[in-house]
Amino acid sequence: MSYNMGNTKDLIWSVIIESAKTRFDYSAFEKEFKVFGKKGAKNFAENFLIMALSGFASKEAKDIMTLKLFNEMLLTGYIWEKAEIQKFLTEKEKLLSLEIYVTQLANSLLDDGSQPLSVLNSVHQLLK
């Protein structure tokens, strides 16, 4: 059986994101973006969460993360106050600490040349 390396990497991030969604009231968070429609809100909320996890995993300062997220939202025409973004990040950093760690580990393993399927297995083990 052969695996597409790109699809396996997508699966790694999907597993991490799905785990992160269970750590807080994700459906309420997604509803914040209902102006984009159901599918748009889902995509927007997931992208926001991915950017937040990536920022935490790369040890980016929260004020930089806030500015990046604010600008990303602004590009779509959605305005969420910087203070609210900062509050979200502060509240979720501890709740998402396992997913942040797993994101750091997965990035490191992939950067070091580990096989994506092996990384996916490790991600599953750590998040169960």
N, C-alpha and C. Protein backbone atom coordinates (compact mmCIF):
# COMPACT_ATOMS: atom_id res chain seq x y z
N MET A 1 0.85 -1.17 0.00
CA MET A 1 0.00 0.00 0.00
C MET A 1 0.89 1.23 0.00
N SER A 2 0.62 2.17 -0.89
CA SER A 2 1.43 3.39 -0.92
C SER A 2 0.58 4.56 -0.46
N TYR A 3 1.24 5.51 0.14
CA TYR A 3 0.57 6.70 0.65
C TYR A 3 1.14 7.93 -0.04
N ASN A 4 0.28 8.87 -0.31
CA ASN A 4 0.72 10.14 -0.85
C ASN A 4 1.25 10.96 0.32
N MET A 5 2.52 11.36 0.23
CA MET A 5 3.15 12.08 1.33
C MET A 5 2.40 13.37 1.65
N GLY A 6 1.94 14.10 0.63
CA GLY A 6 1.20 15.34 0.85
C GLY A 6 -0.08 15.09 1.61
N ASN A 7 -0.81 14.04 1.23
CA ASN A 7 -2.05 13.70 1.92
C ASN A 7 -1.80 13.29 3.36
N THR A 8 -0.70 12.60 3.59
CA THR A 8 -0.36 12.18 4.95
C THR A 8 -0.08 13.40 5.82
N LYS A 9 0.63 14.38 5.26
CA LYS A 9 0.90 15.61 6.02
C LYS A 9 -0.41 16.34 6.31
N ASP A 10 -1.31 16.38 5.35
CA ASP A 10 -2.63 16.99 5.58
C ASP A 10 -3.36 16.26 6.70
N LEU A 11 -3.23 14.95 6.73
CA LEU A 11 -3.88 14.15 7.76
C LEU A 11 -3.30 14.46 9.14
N ILE A 12 -1.99 14.69 9.20
CA ILE A 12 -1.34 15.04 10.47
C ILE A 12 -1.99 16.30 11.05
N TRP A 13 -2.11 17.33 10.20
CA TRP A 13 -2.66 18.59 10.68
C TRP A 13 -4.15 18.45 10.99
N SER A 14 -4.83 17.63 10.24
CA SER A 14 -6.25 17.39 10.49
C SER A 14 -6.46 16.75 11.87
N VAL A 15 -5.63 15.78 12.20
CA VAL A 15 -5.73 15.10 13.50
C VAL A 15 -5.47 16.11 14.63
N ILE A 16 -4.47 16.95 14.46
CA ILE A 16 -4.15 17.95 15.49
C ILE A 16 -5.30 18.95 15.64
N ILE A 17 -5.83 19.43 14.54
CA ILE A 17 -6.92 20.41 14.58
C ILE A 17 -8.18 19.79 15.20
N GLU A 18 -8.51 18.57 14.80
CA GLU A 18 -9.69 17.93 15.37
C GLU A 18 -9.55 17.73 16.88
N SER A 19 -8.36 17.43 17.33
CA SER A 19 -8.13 17.31 18.76
C SER A 19 -8.29 18.67 19.45
N ALA A 20 -7.75 19.71 18.84
CA ALA A 20 -7.85 21.06 19.41
C ALA A 20 -9.31 21.49 19.55
N LYS A 21 -10.12 21.11 18.60
CA LYS A 21 -11.54 21.49 18.62
C LYS A 21 -12.27 20.92 19.83
N THR A 22 -11.76 19.84 20.39
CA THR A 22 -12.43 19.21 21.54
C THR A 22 -12.06 19.87 22.86
N ARG A 23 -11.11 20.78 22.85
CA ARG A 23 -10.59 21.37 24.08
C ARG A 23 -11.39 22.57 24.57
N PHE A 24 -12.26 23.10 23.70
CA PHE A 24 -13.08 24.26 24.08
C PHE A 24 -14.37 24.21 23.28
N ASP A 25 -15.26 25.16 23.51
CA ASP A 25 -16.55 25.18 22.82
C ASP A 25 -16.33 25.67 21.39
N TYR A 26 -15.86 24.76 20.57
CA TYR A 26 -15.50 25.11 19.20
C TYR A 26 -16.73 25.52 18.39
N SER A 27 -17.86 24.89 18.61
CA SER A 27 -19.04 25.24 17.81
C SER A 27 -19.47 26.68 18.08
N ALA A 28 -19.34 27.14 19.32
CA ALA A 28 -19.65 28.55 19.62
C ALA A 28 -18.64 29.47 18.94
N PHE A 29 -17.37 29.06 18.94
CA PHE A 29 -16.33 29.83 18.27
C PHE A 29 -16.62 29.93 16.76
N GLU A 30 -16.98 28.82 16.17
CA GLU A 30 -17.30 28.79 14.73
C GLU A 30 -18.47 29.71 14.41
N LYS A 31 -19.44 29.76 15.30
CA LYS A 31 -20.63 30.61 15.09
C LYS A 31 -20.28 32.09 15.08
N GLU A 32 -19.14 32.45 15.66
CA GLU A 32 -18.69 33.85 15.62
C GLU A 32 -18.57 34.34 14.18
N PHE A 33 -18.35 33.42 13.27
CA PHE A 33 -18.07 33.76 11.88
C PHE A 33 -19.23 33.41 10.95
N LYS A 34 -20.44 33.36 11.50
CA LYS A 34 -21.61 32.95 10.72
C LYS A 34 -21.91 33.87 9.54
N VAL A 35 -21.34 35.08 9.56
CA VAL A 35 -21.56 36.00 8.43
C VAL A 35 -21.01 35.43 7.13
N PHE A 36 -20.12 34.44 7.22
CA PHE A 36 -19.54 33.82 6.04
C PHE A 36 -20.34 32.62 5.54
N GLY A 37 -21.48 32.35 6.18
CA GLY A 37 -22.26 31.16 5.84
C GLY A 37 -21.69 29.97 6.57
N LYS A 38 -22.42 28.86 6.55
CA LYS A 38 -22.01 27.67 7.31
C LYS A 38 -20.64 27.14 6.88
N LYS A 39 -20.45 26.95 5.59
CA LYS A 39 -19.18 26.42 5.09
C LYS A 39 -18.06 27.44 5.28
N GLY A 40 -18.36 28.70 5.01
CA GLY A 40 -17.36 29.75 5.17
C GLY A 40 -16.93 29.90 6.62
N ALA A 41 -17.90 29.82 7.54
CA ALA A 41 -17.58 29.92 8.97
C ALA A 41 -16.68 28.77 9.40
N LYS A 42 -16.99 27.57 8.90
CA LYS A 42 -16.17 26.39 9.23
C LYS A 42 -14.74 26.59 8.76
N ASN A 43 -14.57 27.01 7.51
CA ASN A 43 -13.23 27.23 6.95
C ASN A 43 -12.49 28.34 7.68
N PHE A 44 -13.21 29.44 7.96
CA PHE A 44 -12.59 30.58 8.61
C PHE A 44 -12.12 30.20 10.01
N ALA A 45 -12.98 29.52 10.77
CA ALA A 45 -12.64 29.12 12.14
C ALA A 45 -11.45 28.15 12.15
N GLU A 46 -11.44 27.20 11.22
CA GLU A 46 -10.33 26.25 11.15
C GLU A 46 -9.03 26.95 10.79
N ASN A 47 -9.08 27.85 9.83
CA ASN A 47 -7.87 28.59 9.45
C ASN A 47 -7.35 29.42 10.61
N PHE A 48 -8.26 30.05 11.34
CA PHE A 48 -7.87 30.83 12.51
C PHE A 48 -7.17 29.94 13.52
N LEU A 49 -7.76 28.78 13.79
CA LEU A 49 -7.19 27.84 14.76
C LEU A 49 -5.82 27.33 14.29
N ILE A 50 -5.70 27.03 13.02
CA ILE A 50 -4.42 26.58 12.47
C ILE A 50 -3.35 27.66 12.64
N MET A 51 -3.72 28.89 12.32
CA MET A 51 -2.76 29.99 12.46
C MET A 51 -2.36 30.18 13.93
N ALA A 52 -3.32 30.05 14.84
CA ALA A 52 -3.02 30.19 16.26
C ALA A 52 -2.08 29.07 16.73
N LEU A 53 -2.39 27.83 16.38
CA LEU A 53 -1.53 26.71 16.78
C LEU A 53 -0.13 26.86 16.19
N SER A 54 -0.06 27.26 14.94
CA SER A 54 1.24 27.44 14.29
C SER A 54 2.04 28.54 14.98
N GLY A 55 1.37 29.62 15.32
CA GLY A 55 2.04 30.72 16.02
C GLY A 55 2.56 30.29 17.38
N PHE A 56 1.72 29.58 18.14
CA PHE A 56 2.16 29.09 19.45
C PHE A 56 3.32 28.11 19.28
N ALA A 57 3.21 27.20 18.32
CA ALA A 57 4.23 26.18 18.11
C ALA A 57 5.58 26.79 17.72
N SER A 58 5.55 27.90 17.01
CA SER A 58 6.80 28.55 16.61
C SER A 58 7.24 29.59 17.64
N LYS A 59 6.54 29.62 18.77
CA LYS A 59 6.86 30.50 19.89
C LYS A 59 6.82 31.99 19.51
N GLU A 60 5.88 32.30 18.63
CA GLU A 60 5.66 33.68 18.23
C GLU A 60 5.05 34.46 19.40
N ALA A 61 5.42 35.71 19.55
CA ALA A 61 4.84 36.54 20.60
C ALA A 61 3.35 36.73 20.33
N LYS A 62 2.55 36.77 21.40
CA LYS A 62 1.10 36.90 21.23
C LYS A 62 0.70 38.18 20.52
N ASP A 63 1.45 39.27 20.73
CA ASP A 63 1.08 40.51 20.05
C ASP A 63 1.32 40.40 18.54
N ILE A 64 2.33 39.66 18.14
CA ILE A 64 2.58 39.42 16.71
C ILE A 64 1.50 38.51 16.14
N MET A 65 1.16 37.45 16.89
CA MET A 65 0.10 36.55 16.45
C MET A 65 -1.22 37.31 16.30
N THR A 66 -1.50 38.15 17.27
CA THR A 66 -2.74 38.94 17.24
C THR A 66 -2.78 39.81 16.00
N LEU A 67 -1.69 40.48 15.71
CA LEU A 67 -1.64 41.36 14.54
C LEU A 67 -1.81 40.56 13.24
N LYS A 68 -1.15 39.41 13.14
CA LYS A 68 -1.29 38.57 11.94
C LYS A 68 -2.73 38.09 11.77
N LEU A 69 -3.33 37.64 12.86
CA LEU A 69 -4.72 37.16 12.78
C LEU A 69 -5.67 38.31 12.46
N PHE A 70 -5.45 39.45 13.07
CA PHE A 70 -6.28 40.62 12.80
C PHE A 70 -6.19 41.00 11.32
N ASN A 71 -4.98 41.05 10.79
CA ASN A 71 -4.78 41.40 9.38
C ASN A 71 -5.40 40.38 8.44
N GLU A 72 -5.27 39.12 8.79
CA GLU A 72 -5.87 38.05 7.98
C GLU A 72 -7.39 38.22 7.93
N MET A 73 -7.97 38.53 9.08
CA MET A 73 -9.41 38.73 9.15
C MET A 73 -9.82 39.97 8.36
N LEU A 74 -9.03 41.00 8.49
CA LEU A 74 -9.32 42.26 7.81
C LEU A 74 -9.37 42.06 6.29
N LEU A 75 -8.51 41.19 5.79
CA LEU A 75 -8.50 40.90 4.35
C LEU A 75 -9.81 40.30 3.87
N THR A 76 -10.52 39.65 4.76
CA THR A 76 -11.81 39.05 4.39
C THR A 76 -12.97 40.02 4.62
N GLY A 77 -12.65 41.16 5.24
CA GLY A 77 -13.69 42.13 5.53
C GLY A 77 -14.31 41.93 6.90
N TYR A 78 -13.80 40.96 7.67
CA TYR A 78 -14.33 40.70 9.00
C TYR A 78 -13.46 41.41 10.02
N ILE A 79 -14.10 42.09 10.95
CA ILE A 79 -13.34 42.79 11.97
C ILE A 79 -13.64 42.18 13.33
N TRP A 80 -12.60 41.64 13.92
CA TRP A 80 -12.66 41.14 15.29
C TRP A 80 -11.60 41.93 16.03
N GLU A 81 -11.99 42.64 17.03
CA GLU A 81 -11.10 43.55 17.74
C GLU A 81 -9.83 42.84 18.21
N LYS A 82 -8.71 43.56 18.14
CA LYS A 82 -7.43 42.98 18.56
C LYS A 82 -7.49 42.49 20.00
N ALA A 83 -8.17 43.24 20.86
CA ALA A 83 -8.28 42.83 22.27
C ALA A 83 -8.99 41.48 22.40
N GLU A 84 -10.00 41.25 21.56
CA GLU A 84 -10.72 39.97 21.59
C GLU A 84 -9.85 38.83 21.06
N ILE A 85 -9.06 39.12 20.04
CA ILE A 85 -8.14 38.10 19.51
C ILE A 85 -7.11 37.75 20.59
N GLN A 86 -6.56 38.77 21.23
CA GLN A 86 -5.57 38.57 22.30
C GLN A 86 -6.18 37.75 23.44
N LYS A 87 -7.42 38.05 23.79
CA LYS A 87 -8.12 37.32 24.85
C LYS A 87 -8.29 35.85 24.45
N PHE A 88 -8.70 35.61 23.21
CA PHE A 88 -8.85 34.24 22.71
C PHE A 88 -7.53 33.49 22.84
N LEU A 89 -6.45 34.10 22.37
CA LEU A 89 -5.14 33.45 22.41
C LEU A 89 -4.70 33.16 23.84
N THR A 90 -4.91 34.10 24.72
CA THR A 90 -4.52 33.93 26.13
C THR A 90 -5.32 32.79 26.76
N GLU A 91 -6.63 32.77 26.50
CA GLU A 91 -7.48 31.72 27.07
C GLU A 91 -7.15 30.34 26.51
N LYS A 92 -6.81 30.29 25.24
CA LYS A 92 -6.64 28.98 24.60
C LYS A 92 -5.23 28.42 24.70
N GLU A 93 -4.26 29.24 25.01
CA GLU A 93 -2.88 28.75 25.04
C GLU A 93 -2.72 27.56 25.99
N LYS A 94 -3.25 27.67 27.18
CA LYS A 94 -3.12 26.58 28.15
C LYS A 94 -4.01 25.39 27.74
N LEU A 95 -5.23 25.69 27.29
CA LEU A 95 -6.15 24.62 26.88
C LEU A 95 -5.59 23.79 25.73
N LEU A 96 -4.83 24.43 24.87
CA LEU A 96 -4.31 23.76 23.67
C LEU A 96 -2.84 23.37 23.82
N SER A 97 -2.35 23.30 25.05
CA SER A 97 -0.92 23.04 25.25
C SER A 97 -0.47 21.70 24.65
N LEU A 98 -1.31 20.68 24.73
CA LEU A 98 -0.92 19.39 24.14
C LEU A 98 -0.83 19.51 22.62
N GLU A 99 -1.82 20.14 22.00
CA GLU A 99 -1.80 20.30 20.54
C GLU A 99 -0.64 21.19 20.09
N ILE A 100 -0.31 22.18 20.90
CA ILE A 100 0.84 23.04 20.58
C ILE A 100 2.11 22.21 20.60
N TYR A 101 2.28 21.41 21.65
CA TYR A 101 3.44 20.54 21.75
C TYR A 101 3.52 19.57 20.57
N VAL A 102 2.39 18.95 20.25
CA VAL A 102 2.36 17.97 19.16
C VAL A 102 2.66 18.66 17.82
N THR A 103 2.19 19.88 17.64
CA THR A 103 2.50 20.63 16.42
C THR A 103 4.00 20.90 16.34
N GLN A 104 4.61 21.30 17.45
CA GLN A 104 6.06 21.52 17.49
C GLN A 104 6.81 20.24 17.13
N LEU A 105 6.39 19.15 17.75
CA LEU A 105 7.04 17.87 17.52
C LEU A 105 6.89 17.42 16.07
N ALA A 106 5.67 17.50 15.54
CA ALA A 106 5.43 17.08 14.15
C ALA A 106 6.26 17.92 13.19
N ASN A 107 6.29 19.23 13.41
CA ASN A 107 7.11 20.10 12.54
C ASN A 107 8.58 19.71 12.61
N SER A 108 9.07 19.48 13.81
CA SER A 108 10.46 19.11 14.00
C SER A 108 10.79 17.77 13.33
N LEU A 109 9.93 16.79 13.54
CA LEU A 109 10.15 15.47 12.93
C LEU A 109 10.14 15.54 11.41
N LEU A 110 9.17 16.27 10.87
CA LEU A 110 9.09 16.40 9.41
C LEU A 110 10.29 17.16 8.86
N ASP A 111 10.70 18.21 9.56
CA ASP A 111 11.87 18.99 9.13
C ASP A 111 13.15 18.15 9.17
N ASP A 112 13.19 17.20 10.11
CA ASP A 112 14.36 16.33 10.24
C ASP A 112 14.33 15.14 9.28
N GLY A 113 13.28 15.06 8.46
CA GLY A 113 13.21 14.02 7.44
C GLY A 113 12.47 12.76 7.84
N SER A 114 11.79 12.78 8.96
CA SER A 114 11.01 11.59 9.35
C SER A 114 9.91 11.32 8.32
N GLN A 115 9.56 10.08 8.18
CA GLN A 115 8.50 9.70 7.27
C GLN A 115 7.16 10.23 7.78
N PRO A 116 6.38 10.89 6.93
CA PRO A 116 5.09 11.43 7.37
C PRO A 116 4.17 10.40 8.02
N LEU A 117 4.18 9.18 7.53
CA LEU A 117 3.33 8.14 8.12
C LEU A 117 3.76 7.83 9.56
N SER A 118 5.05 7.83 9.80
CA SER A 118 5.57 7.63 11.15
C SER A 118 5.18 8.80 12.07
N VAL A 119 5.24 10.02 11.53
CA VAL A 119 4.86 11.20 12.29
C VAL A 119 3.36 11.14 12.60
N LEU A 120 2.56 10.75 11.63
CA LEU A 120 1.12 10.62 11.83
C LEU A 120 0.83 9.63 12.95
N ASN A 121 1.54 8.51 12.97
CA ASN A 121 1.36 7.52 14.03
C ASN A 121 1.71 8.12 15.39
N SER A 122 2.79 8.86 15.46
CA SER A 122 3.20 9.50 16.72
C SER A 122 2.14 10.51 17.17
N VAL A 123 1.62 11.28 16.25
CA VAL A 123 0.58 12.28 16.56
C VAL A 123 -0.64 11.59 17.14
N HIS A 124 -1.06 10.51 16.51
CA HIS A 124 -2.21 9.74 17.01
C HIS A 124 -1.96 9.25 18.43
N GLN A 125 -0.77 8.70 18.67
CA GLN A 125 -0.43 8.16 19.99
C GLN A 125 -0.45 9.24 21.06
N LEU A 126 0.08 10.41 20.72
CA LEU A 126 0.17 11.48 21.71
C LEU A 126 -1.19 12.13 22.01
N LEU A 127 -2.08 12.14 21.04
CA LEU A 127 -3.34 12.83 21.22
C LEU A 127 -4.49 11.94 21.68
N LYS A 128 -4.23 10.63 21.83
CA LYS A 128 -5.34 9.78 22.26
C LYS A 128 -5.53 9.77 23.74
